[in-house]
Amino acid sequence: QKLTEEKQQKLMSLNNELATLESRQERAKAEALRWEGLVTKIKATSADKNLELIQIKSSCWNIYQQICKRKGAPIDVDKYDIENQLVHIKSTIIELKRIAKLAKKRAIKETKDRNQNKK
């Protein structure tokens, strides 16, 4: 009878251990699912950002080519040299702003001159 009680105690102990392990397994599965969801979300975001980057690079290249064409300048910057394309684009924008500012000043001056000549 003592042996039977010891075996029952051992069996109960093993059952408790099994229940604990099963509980840990369920928590681990839930945690794994959570991480898998995060990884999936990160991959999707990464793919979106990569597509956006490709589109931006393509847009820079197109703008750079258009600027060169309108200026009658050769395309000296490599298609994959985005940094120098952006430098060229920036300098062109600054140049166009200066031209627009000068044109505005001239237009104002001409308007004033016309108004003074009418008097």
N, C-alpha and C. Protein backbone atom coordinates (compact mmCIF):
# COMPACT_ATOMS: atom_id res chain seq x y z
N GLN A 1 0.83 -1.20 0.00
CA GLN A 1 0.00 0.00 0.00
C GLN A 1 0.87 1.26 0.00
N LYS A 2 1.97 1.22 0.74
CA LYS A 2 2.89 2.34 0.80
C LYS A 2 3.48 2.60 -0.59
N LEU A 3 3.77 1.54 -1.30
CA LEU A 3 4.33 1.64 -2.64
C LEU A 3 3.31 2.28 -3.59
N THR A 4 2.06 1.94 -3.44
CA THR A 4 0.99 2.49 -4.26
C THR A 4 0.84 3.98 -4.00
N GLU A 5 0.91 4.38 -2.74
CA GLU A 5 0.81 5.80 -2.40
C GLU A 5 1.99 6.58 -2.98
N GLU A 6 3.17 5.99 -2.91
CA GLU A 6 4.34 6.66 -3.47
C GLU A 6 4.20 6.82 -4.98
N LYS A 7 3.66 5.78 -5.63
CA LYS A 7 3.45 5.85 -7.08
C LYS A 7 2.38 6.89 -7.42
N GLN A 8 1.35 6.97 -6.59
CA GLN A 8 0.31 7.97 -6.83
C GLN A 8 0.88 9.39 -6.66
N GLN A 9 1.71 9.55 -5.63
CA GLN A 9 2.35 10.85 -5.40
C GLN A 9 3.24 11.21 -6.61
N LYS A 10 4.00 10.23 -7.04
CA LYS A 10 4.89 10.44 -8.18
C LYS A 10 4.06 10.78 -9.43
N LEU A 11 2.96 10.06 -9.63
CA LEU A 11 2.07 10.29 -10.77
C LEU A 11 1.46 11.69 -10.70
N MET A 12 1.02 12.11 -9.51
CA MET A 12 0.46 13.46 -9.34
C MET A 12 1.52 14.52 -9.63
N SER A 13 2.73 14.26 -9.15
CA SER A 13 3.83 15.19 -9.38
C SER A 13 4.12 15.31 -10.87
N LEU A 14 4.13 14.18 -11.55
CA LEU A 14 4.37 14.19 -13.00
C LEU A 14 3.22 14.89 -13.74
N ASN A 15 1.99 14.67 -13.29
CA ASN A 15 0.84 15.34 -13.91
C ASN A 15 0.92 16.86 -13.73
N ASN A 16 1.33 17.28 -12.53
CA ASN A 16 1.50 18.72 -12.28
C ASN A 16 2.59 19.30 -13.17
N GLU A 17 3.68 18.57 -13.28
CA GLU A 17 4.78 19.02 -14.14
C GLU A 17 4.33 19.10 -15.59
N LEU A 18 3.56 18.11 -16.03
CA LEU A 18 3.03 18.09 -17.39
C LEU A 18 2.11 19.30 -17.62
N ALA A 19 1.24 19.58 -16.67
CA ALA A 19 0.34 20.73 -16.79
C ALA A 19 1.14 22.03 -16.88
N THR A 20 2.17 22.14 -16.07
CA THR A 20 3.03 23.33 -16.10
C THR A 20 3.71 23.46 -17.45
N LEU A 21 4.24 22.36 -17.96
CA LEU A 21 4.91 22.38 -19.26
C LEU A 21 3.94 22.71 -20.39
N GLU A 22 2.73 22.16 -20.32
CA GLU A 22 1.73 22.45 -21.35
C GLU A 22 1.35 23.93 -21.32
N SER A 23 1.24 24.48 -20.13
CA SER A 23 0.92 25.90 -19.98
C SER A 23 2.04 26.76 -20.57
N ARG A 24 3.28 26.39 -20.27
CA ARG A 24 4.42 27.12 -20.82
C ARG A 24 4.46 27.02 -22.34
N GLN A 25 4.10 25.82 -22.85
CA GLN A 25 4.09 25.62 -24.30
C GLN A 25 3.04 26.54 -24.94
N GLU A 26 1.87 26.65 -24.34
CA GLU A 26 0.82 27.51 -24.89
C GLU A 26 1.26 28.98 -24.89
N ARG A 27 1.90 29.40 -23.79
CA ARG A 27 2.39 30.78 -23.73
C ARG A 27 3.47 31.00 -24.79
N ALA A 28 4.34 30.02 -24.97
CA ALA A 28 5.40 30.13 -25.98
C ALA A 28 4.81 30.20 -27.39
N LYS A 29 3.77 29.40 -27.64
CA LYS A 29 3.10 29.45 -28.95
C LYS A 29 2.48 30.83 -29.19
N ALA A 30 1.82 31.35 -28.16
CA ALA A 30 1.20 32.67 -28.29
C ALA A 30 2.26 33.74 -28.55
N GLU A 31 3.37 33.65 -27.83
CA GLU A 31 4.46 34.61 -28.00
C GLU A 31 5.06 34.47 -29.41
N ALA A 32 5.22 33.24 -29.87
CA ALA A 32 5.75 33.01 -31.22
C ALA A 32 4.82 33.61 -32.27
N LEU A 33 3.52 33.44 -32.09
CA LEU A 33 2.55 34.02 -33.03
C LEU A 33 2.64 35.54 -33.03
N ARG A 34 2.79 36.11 -31.84
CA ARG A 34 2.91 37.56 -31.74
C ARG A 34 4.14 38.05 -32.51
N TRP A 35 5.28 37.36 -32.31
CA TRP A 35 6.51 37.75 -33.00
C TRP A 35 6.39 37.53 -34.50
N GLU A 36 5.75 36.45 -34.90
CA GLU A 36 5.57 36.20 -36.33
C GLU A 36 4.74 37.31 -36.96
N GLY A 37 3.71 37.77 -36.24
CA GLY A 37 2.90 38.88 -36.72
C GLY A 37 3.72 40.15 -36.87
N LEU A 38 4.57 40.41 -35.89
CA LEU A 38 5.44 41.59 -35.95
C LEU A 38 6.41 41.50 -37.12
N VAL A 39 6.98 40.32 -37.31
CA VAL A 39 7.93 40.12 -38.42
C VAL A 39 7.21 40.34 -39.76
N THR A 40 6.00 39.82 -39.88
CA THR A 40 5.22 39.99 -41.11
C THR A 40 4.95 41.48 -41.35
N LYS A 41 4.58 42.19 -40.29
CA LYS A 41 4.31 43.62 -40.41
C LYS A 41 5.57 44.38 -40.81
N ILE A 42 6.69 44.03 -40.20
CA ILE A 42 7.97 44.69 -40.53
C ILE A 42 8.35 44.41 -41.98
N LYS A 43 8.17 43.18 -42.43
CA LYS A 43 8.48 42.84 -43.82
C LYS A 43 7.62 43.65 -44.79
N ALA A 44 6.33 43.78 -44.46
CA ALA A 44 5.43 44.55 -45.33
C ALA A 44 5.84 46.02 -45.36
N THR A 45 6.16 46.57 -44.20
CA THR A 45 6.60 47.97 -44.13
C THR A 45 7.89 48.16 -44.90
N SER A 46 8.80 47.21 -44.74
CA SER A 46 10.08 47.27 -45.45
C SER A 46 9.86 47.23 -46.96
N ALA A 47 8.97 46.38 -47.41
CA ALA A 47 8.68 46.29 -48.85
C ALA A 47 8.09 47.60 -49.35
N ASP A 48 7.17 48.19 -48.56
CA ASP A 48 6.58 49.48 -48.94
C ASP A 48 7.64 50.57 -49.03
N LYS A 49 8.51 50.61 -48.03
CA LYS A 49 9.56 51.64 -48.01
C LYS A 49 10.55 51.44 -49.16
N ASN A 50 10.83 50.18 -49.47
CA ASN A 50 11.74 49.89 -50.58
C ASN A 50 11.14 50.36 -51.90
N LEU A 51 9.85 50.10 -52.09
CA LEU A 51 9.16 50.55 -53.30
C LEU A 51 9.17 52.08 -53.37
N GLU A 52 8.91 52.72 -52.22
CA GLU A 52 8.94 54.18 -52.17
C GLU A 52 10.32 54.72 -52.53
N LEU A 53 11.36 54.07 -52.03
CA LEU A 53 12.73 54.48 -52.32
C LEU A 53 13.03 54.35 -53.81
N ILE A 54 12.61 53.25 -54.40
CA ILE A 54 12.81 53.03 -55.84
C ILE A 54 12.11 54.13 -56.65
N GLN A 55 10.88 54.47 -56.23
CA GLN A 55 10.13 55.51 -56.93
C GLN A 55 10.80 56.87 -56.79
N ILE A 56 11.31 57.16 -55.60
CA ILE A 56 12.00 58.44 -55.38
C ILE A 56 13.26 58.52 -56.22
N LYS A 57 14.03 57.44 -56.26
CA LYS A 57 15.25 57.43 -57.06
C LYS A 57 14.92 57.63 -58.54
N SER A 58 13.88 56.98 -58.99
CA SER A 58 13.46 57.11 -60.39
C SER A 58 13.01 58.55 -60.68
N SER A 59 12.29 59.13 -59.74
CA SER A 59 11.83 60.52 -59.91
C SER A 59 13.02 61.49 -59.97
N CYS A 60 14.00 61.27 -59.10
CA CYS A 60 15.20 62.12 -59.11
C CYS A 60 15.90 62.03 -60.47
N TRP A 61 16.04 60.81 -60.95
CA TRP A 61 16.69 60.60 -62.24
C TRP A 61 15.93 61.31 -63.35
N ASN A 62 14.59 61.19 -63.34
CA ASN A 62 13.78 61.84 -64.37
C ASN A 62 13.89 63.36 -64.30
N ILE A 63 13.83 63.91 -63.09
CA ILE A 63 13.95 65.37 -62.93
C ILE A 63 15.33 65.83 -63.41
N TYR A 64 16.35 65.10 -63.00
CA TYR A 64 17.72 65.45 -63.42
C TYR A 64 17.83 65.46 -64.95
N GLN A 65 17.29 64.42 -65.60
CA GLN A 65 17.35 64.34 -67.07
C GLN A 65 16.60 65.51 -67.71
N GLN A 66 15.43 65.84 -67.16
CA GLN A 66 14.64 66.95 -67.72
C GLN A 66 15.38 68.28 -67.58
N ILE A 67 16.02 68.48 -66.42
CA ILE A 67 16.78 69.71 -66.21
C ILE A 67 17.91 69.80 -67.24
N CYS A 68 18.65 68.71 -67.41
CA CYS A 68 19.75 68.70 -68.38
C CYS A 68 19.24 68.98 -69.79
N LYS A 69 18.12 68.37 -70.14
CA LYS A 69 17.55 68.54 -71.48
C LYS A 69 17.15 70.00 -71.70
N ARG A 70 16.48 70.60 -70.72
CA ARG A 70 16.03 72.00 -70.86
C ARG A 70 17.19 72.98 -70.90
N LYS A 71 18.26 72.63 -70.20
CA LYS A 71 19.44 73.51 -70.21
C LYS A 71 20.32 73.23 -71.43
N GLY A 72 20.06 72.13 -72.12
CA GLY A 72 20.92 71.72 -73.23
C GLY A 72 22.27 71.23 -72.74
N ALA A 73 22.27 70.71 -71.52
CA ALA A 73 23.52 70.24 -70.90
C ALA A 73 23.61 68.72 -71.01
N PRO A 74 24.83 68.21 -71.07
CA PRO A 74 24.99 66.75 -71.12
C PRO A 74 24.63 66.12 -69.77
N ILE A 75 24.25 64.87 -69.82
CA ILE A 75 23.96 64.12 -68.60
C ILE A 75 25.28 63.55 -68.10
N ASP A 76 25.86 64.23 -67.12
CA ASP A 76 27.18 63.85 -66.61
C ASP A 76 27.13 62.95 -65.38
N VAL A 77 26.00 62.95 -64.70
CA VAL A 77 25.88 62.20 -63.45
C VAL A 77 25.32 60.81 -63.74
N ASP A 78 25.88 59.81 -63.10
CA ASP A 78 25.43 58.42 -63.27
C ASP A 78 24.00 58.25 -62.77
N LYS A 79 23.28 57.34 -63.41
CA LYS A 79 21.88 57.09 -63.04
C LYS A 79 21.73 56.71 -61.57
N TYR A 80 22.72 56.06 -60.99
CA TYR A 80 22.61 55.58 -59.62
C TYR A 80 23.28 56.51 -58.60
N ASP A 81 23.78 57.65 -59.08
CA ASP A 81 24.40 58.64 -58.19
C ASP A 81 23.35 59.67 -57.78
N ILE A 82 22.48 59.24 -56.88
CA ILE A 82 21.34 60.07 -56.46
C ILE A 82 21.82 61.36 -55.79
N GLU A 83 22.85 61.24 -54.98
CA GLU A 83 23.33 62.41 -54.23
C GLU A 83 23.72 63.56 -55.17
N ASN A 84 24.49 63.26 -56.19
CA ASN A 84 24.90 64.32 -57.13
C ASN A 84 23.74 64.79 -58.00
N GLN A 85 22.80 63.92 -58.28
CA GLN A 85 21.60 64.35 -59.00
C GLN A 85 20.85 65.39 -58.16
N LEU A 86 20.72 65.09 -56.85
CA LEU A 86 20.03 66.01 -55.95
C LEU A 86 20.78 67.33 -55.81
N VAL A 87 22.10 67.27 -55.80
CA VAL A 87 22.90 68.50 -55.75
C VAL A 87 22.61 69.36 -56.98
N HIS A 88 22.58 68.71 -58.13
CA HIS A 88 22.30 69.42 -59.39
C HIS A 88 20.88 70.00 -59.38
N ILE A 89 19.92 69.20 -58.92
CA ILE A 89 18.53 69.65 -58.85
C ILE A 89 18.41 70.85 -57.91
N LYS A 90 19.06 70.75 -56.77
CA LYS A 90 19.01 71.85 -55.79
C LYS A 90 19.59 73.13 -56.37
N SER A 91 20.75 73.02 -57.01
CA SER A 91 21.37 74.23 -57.57
C SER A 91 20.49 74.84 -58.66
N THR A 92 19.81 73.99 -59.42
CA THR A 92 18.91 74.49 -60.46
C THR A 92 17.72 75.21 -59.84
N ILE A 93 17.18 74.66 -58.77
CA ILE A 93 16.06 75.31 -58.08
C ILE A 93 16.48 76.67 -57.54
N ILE A 94 17.66 76.73 -56.93
CA ILE A 94 18.18 78.00 -56.41
C ILE A 94 18.34 79.01 -57.55
N GLU A 95 18.89 78.54 -58.66
CA GLU A 95 19.08 79.39 -59.84
C GLU A 95 17.73 79.92 -60.35
N LEU A 96 16.74 79.04 -60.43
CA LEU A 96 15.41 79.45 -60.91
C LEU A 96 14.74 80.42 -59.94
N LYS A 97 14.97 80.24 -58.64
CA LYS A 97 14.42 81.18 -57.65
C LYS A 97 15.02 82.56 -57.84
N ARG A 98 16.33 82.62 -58.08
CA ARG A 98 17.00 83.91 -58.32
C ARG A 98 16.43 84.59 -59.57
N ILE A 99 16.24 83.79 -60.62
CA ILE A 99 15.70 84.32 -61.87
C ILE A 99 14.29 84.86 -61.64
N ALA A 100 13.47 84.10 -60.92
CA ALA A 100 12.10 84.53 -60.64
C ALA A 100 12.09 85.81 -59.81
N LYS A 101 12.99 85.91 -58.85
CA LYS A 101 13.08 87.10 -58.00
C LYS A 101 13.47 88.32 -58.84
N LEU A 102 14.47 88.14 -59.72
CA LEU A 102 14.88 89.23 -60.60
C LEU A 102 13.75 89.65 -61.55
N ALA A 103 13.05 88.67 -62.09
CA ALA A 103 11.94 88.96 -63.00
C ALA A 103 10.85 89.73 -62.28
N LYS A 104 10.58 89.37 -61.05
CA LYS A 104 9.56 90.06 -60.26
C LYS A 104 9.98 91.51 -60.01
N LYS A 105 11.25 91.71 -59.63
CA LYS A 105 11.76 93.07 -59.39
C LYS A 105 11.66 93.91 -60.66
N ARG A 106 12.03 93.31 -61.79
CA ARG A 106 11.96 94.03 -63.07
C ARG A 106 10.53 94.40 -63.42
N ALA A 107 9.62 93.46 -63.20
CA ALA A 107 8.21 93.72 -63.51
C ALA A 107 7.68 94.86 -62.65
N ILE A 108 8.05 94.86 -61.39
CA ILE A 108 7.62 95.94 -60.48
C ILE A 108 8.20 97.27 -60.95
N LYS A 109 9.49 97.27 -61.31
CA LYS A 109 10.16 98.49 -61.77
C LYS A 109 9.51 99.00 -63.05
N GLU A 110 9.24 98.10 -63.99
CA GLU A 110 8.62 98.50 -65.25
C GLU A 110 7.23 99.07 -65.02
N THR A 111 6.50 98.48 -64.10
CA THR A 111 5.16 98.98 -63.78
C THR A 111 5.25 100.38 -63.19
N LYS A 112 6.20 100.59 -62.29
CA LYS A 112 6.40 101.92 -61.70
C LYS A 112 6.79 102.93 -62.77
N ASP A 113 7.71 102.53 -63.66
CA ASP A 113 8.16 103.43 -64.74
C ASP A 113 6.99 103.82 -65.64
N ARG A 114 6.15 102.86 -66.00
CA ARG A 114 4.99 103.14 -66.85
C ARG A 114 4.04 104.11 -66.15
N ASN A 115 3.82 103.87 -64.87
CA ASN A 115 2.92 104.74 -64.11
C ASN A 115 3.47 106.17 -64.02
N GLN A 116 4.79 106.30 -63.88
CA GLN A 116 5.40 107.63 -63.81
C GLN A 116 5.35 108.34 -65.16
N ASN A 117 5.49 107.57 -66.23
CA ASN A 117 5.45 108.16 -67.58
C ASN A 117 4.05 108.65 -67.94
N LYS A 118 3.03 108.05 -67.36
CA LYS A 118 1.65 108.44 -67.64
C LYS A 118 1.32 109.78 -66.98
N LYS A 119 2.02 110.11 -65.93
CA LYS A 119 1.72 111.34 -65.18
C LYS A 119 2.15 112.56 -65.89
